[in-house]
Amino acid sequence: MGVLFLIILTNPLFAQEEVDHQRSLDEAIRYYHSGDRASAMQKLLSLSYNESAPAQLRLTANVYIGEIMYIQGDKESAQRLFEQVLKMDKNYRIDRFRHPPDVCSFFDFVKSYVNIPEPPKTVEPKESRIPISAYFPYGLYHLQHGSAWKGYGHLA
């Protein structure tokens, strides 16, 4: 059974599928950079909704879709897509060398309110009694200032 599993994993058809997804993403990025946003959007959407594609490629496709929407002026859709990316992977970091600075700053803005850290848990203090030694200073004070009975009373 293990040999059959090994043969299936090393089959070039399975590796070819992952390469095809990467090739599709690269082609969509080329379309986007050449100014053909409609073709880029079509390729990116098909990759984004393809369940057989690796999750990282789908996240990257969603970021590029959000970037196209942001550049076209549809900031609400871009915001929803960036939120979706961050809900799928809360530690996703946008590549600042591949995306314009205004898109990166908008992504960071969305990330700032999507990934709000939880406040630290406070430990409720147990109800504690004041230790007897806390009253010693009162007794010492009275003993030093001539009130022996009050001093011994506080020390007791």
Protein backbone atom coordinates (compact mmCIF):
# COMPACT_ATOMS: atom_id res chain seq x y z
CA MET A 1 0.00 0.00 0.00
CA GLY A 2 2.86 2.39 0.82
CA VAL A 3 4.48 1.67 -2.56
CA LEU A 4 1.24 2.53 -4.34
CA PHE A 5 1.01 5.80 -2.41
CA LEU A 6 4.62 6.62 -3.34
CA ILE A 7 3.95 5.92 -7.01
CA ILE A 8 0.91 8.20 -6.97
CA LEU A 9 2.80 11.05 -5.33
CA THR A 10 5.74 10.82 -7.70
CA ASN A 11 3.49 10.69 -10.75
CA PRO A 12 4.32 13.68 -12.96
CA LEU A 13 0.63 14.34 -13.60
CA PHE A 14 0.12 15.52 -10.02
CA ALA A 15 3.18 17.73 -10.13
CA GLN A 16 2.03 19.09 -13.48
CA GLU A 17 -1.24 20.31 -11.95
CA GLU A 18 0.57 22.47 -9.39
CA VAL A 19 2.87 23.84 -12.08
CA ASP A 20 -0.18 24.70 -14.21
CA HIS A 21 -1.66 26.72 -11.35
CA GLN A 22 1.59 28.63 -10.89
CA ARG A 23 1.80 29.21 -14.64
CA SER A 24 -1.77 30.50 -14.65
CA LEU A 25 -0.96 32.93 -11.83
CA ASP A 26 2.18 34.14 -13.61
CA GLU A 27 0.21 34.67 -16.81
CA ALA A 28 -2.46 36.65 -14.96
CA ILE A 29 0.22 38.83 -13.38
CA ARG A 30 1.73 39.45 -16.81
CA TYR A 31 -1.70 40.50 -18.13
CA TYR A 32 -2.12 42.82 -15.17
CA HIS A 33 1.26 44.50 -15.62
CA SER A 34 0.72 44.90 -19.35
CA GLY A 35 -2.52 46.80 -18.65
CA ASP A 36 -5.03 44.11 -19.66
CA ARG A 37 -6.90 44.08 -16.37
CA ALA A 38 -9.97 42.27 -17.72
CA SER A 39 -7.95 39.22 -18.81
CA ALA A 40 -5.95 39.34 -15.60
CA MET A 41 -9.14 39.49 -13.54
CA GLN A 42 -10.61 36.53 -15.42
CA LYS A 43 -7.51 34.39 -14.85
CA LEU A 44 -7.20 35.44 -11.21
CA LEU A 45 -10.87 34.73 -10.47
CA SER A 46 -10.65 31.28 -12.05
CA LEU A 47 -7.57 30.55 -9.94
CA SER A 48 -9.13 32.01 -6.80
CA TYR A 49 -12.19 29.75 -6.97
CA ASN A 50 -10.28 26.63 -8.02
CA GLU A 51 -10.32 24.31 -5.00
CA SER A 52 -7.55 22.13 -6.39
CA ALA A 53 -5.10 25.06 -6.42
CA PRO A 54 -2.77 25.41 -3.43
CA ALA A 55 -4.03 27.76 -0.73
CA GLN A 56 -1.05 30.11 -1.02
CA LEU A 57 -1.66 30.63 -4.75
CA ARG A 58 -5.33 31.34 -4.12
CA LEU A 59 -4.42 33.89 -1.46
CA THR A 60 -2.00 35.58 -3.84
CA ALA A 61 -4.69 35.64 -6.53
CA ASN A 62 -7.14 37.25 -4.09
CA VAL A 63 -4.57 39.92 -3.20
CA TYR A 64 -4.09 40.75 -6.88
CA ILE A 65 -7.86 40.88 -7.40
CA GLY A 66 -8.12 43.24 -4.44
CA GLU A 67 -5.31 45.34 -5.88
CA ILE A 68 -7.07 45.65 -9.24
CA MET A 69 -10.29 46.67 -7.49
CA TYR A 70 -8.44 49.19 -5.33
CA ILE A 71 -6.74 50.77 -8.35
CA GLN A 72 -10.08 50.95 -10.18
CA GLY A 73 -11.56 52.82 -7.20
CA ASP A 74 -13.69 50.06 -5.66
CA LYS A 75 -12.15 50.24 -2.19
CA GLU A 76 -15.01 48.42 -0.45
CA SER A 77 -14.58 45.31 -2.58
CA ALA A 78 -10.83 45.46 -2.12
CA GLN A 79 -11.35 45.76 1.62
CA ARG A 80 -13.62 42.70 1.67
CA LEU A 81 -11.11 40.68 -0.34
CA PHE A 82 -8.24 41.68 1.92
CA GLU A 83 -10.36 40.75 4.95
CA GLN A 84 -11.06 37.37 3.36
CA VAL A 85 -7.34 36.81 2.78
CA LEU A 86 -6.53 37.72 6.37
CA LYS A 87 -9.28 35.48 7.74
CA MET A 88 -7.84 32.57 5.78
CA ASP A 89 -4.27 33.35 6.89
CA LYS A 90 -3.97 35.91 9.68
CA ASN A 91 -0.17 36.10 9.26
CA TYR A 92 -0.27 36.83 5.52
CA ARG A 93 2.31 39.44 4.52
CA ILE A 94 1.90 41.38 1.33
CA ASP A 95 4.99 41.47 -0.89
CA ARG A 96 6.05 45.12 -0.94
CA PHE A 97 8.21 44.62 -4.02
CA ARG A 98 5.32 43.34 -6.16
CA HIS A 99 2.53 45.69 -5.07
CA PRO A 100 2.31 49.51 -5.14
CA PRO A 101 2.87 51.37 -1.85
CA ASP A 102 -0.71 52.66 -1.63
CA VAL A 103 -2.09 49.12 -1.97
CA CYS A 104 0.35 47.88 0.68
CA SER A 105 -0.67 50.63 3.09
CA PHE A 106 -4.37 49.89 2.48
CA PHE A 107 -3.70 46.19 3.11
CA ASP A 108 -1.88 47.09 6.35
CA PHE A 109 -4.84 49.25 7.37
CA VAL A 110 -7.22 46.33 6.85
CA LYS A 111 -4.82 44.03 8.69
CA SER A 112 -4.71 46.42 11.63
CA TYR A 113 -8.36 45.99 12.46
CA VAL A 114 -8.87 42.40 11.32
CA ASN A 115 -6.10 40.99 13.50
CA ILE A 116 -6.82 42.77 16.75
CA PRO A 117 -4.85 41.03 19.47
CA GLU A 118 -6.86 39.72 22.38
CA PRO A 119 -6.43 41.66 25.61
CA PRO A 120 -4.35 39.87 28.21
CA LYS A 121 -6.36 37.85 30.66
CA THR A 122 -6.35 39.34 34.12
CA VAL A 123 -6.22 37.06 37.08
CA GLU A 124 -8.74 37.94 39.74
CA PRO A 125 -6.93 38.28 43.05
CA LYS A 126 -8.10 35.97 45.76
CA GLU A 127 -9.73 37.61 48.70
CA SER A 128 -6.94 37.81 51.16
CA ARG A 129 -6.82 38.79 54.76
CA ILE A 130 -4.34 41.27 56.05
CA PRO A 131 -1.52 39.41 57.73
CA ILE A 132 -0.98 40.00 61.41
CA SER A 133 2.48 41.41 60.80
CA ALA A 134 0.85 44.40 59.09
CA TYR A 135 -0.24 45.69 62.51
CA PHE A 136 3.25 45.58 64.03
CA PRO A 137 4.16 49.13 62.96
CA TYR A 138 1.18 50.50 64.88
CA GLY A 139 2.24 48.69 68.00
CA LEU A 140 5.85 49.79 67.66
CA TYR A 141 4.78 53.39 67.15
CA HIS A 142 2.70 53.40 70.34
CA LEU A 143 5.44 51.69 72.32
CA GLN A 144 8.01 54.29 71.19
CA HIS A 145 5.72 57.23 71.98
CA GLY A 146 4.69 56.27 75.50
CA SER A 147 1.42 54.39 75.04
CA ALA A 148 2.40 50.91 76.20
CA TRP A 149 -1.08 49.44 76.44
CA LYS A 150 -2.01 50.48 72.90
CA GLY A 151 1.36 49.23 71.65
CA TYR A 152 0.97 45.81 73.24
CA GLY A 153 -2.61 45.66 72.03
CA HIS A 154 -1.57 46.20 68.40
CA LEU A 155 1.38 43.85 68.72
CA ALA A 156 -0.87 41.13 70.14
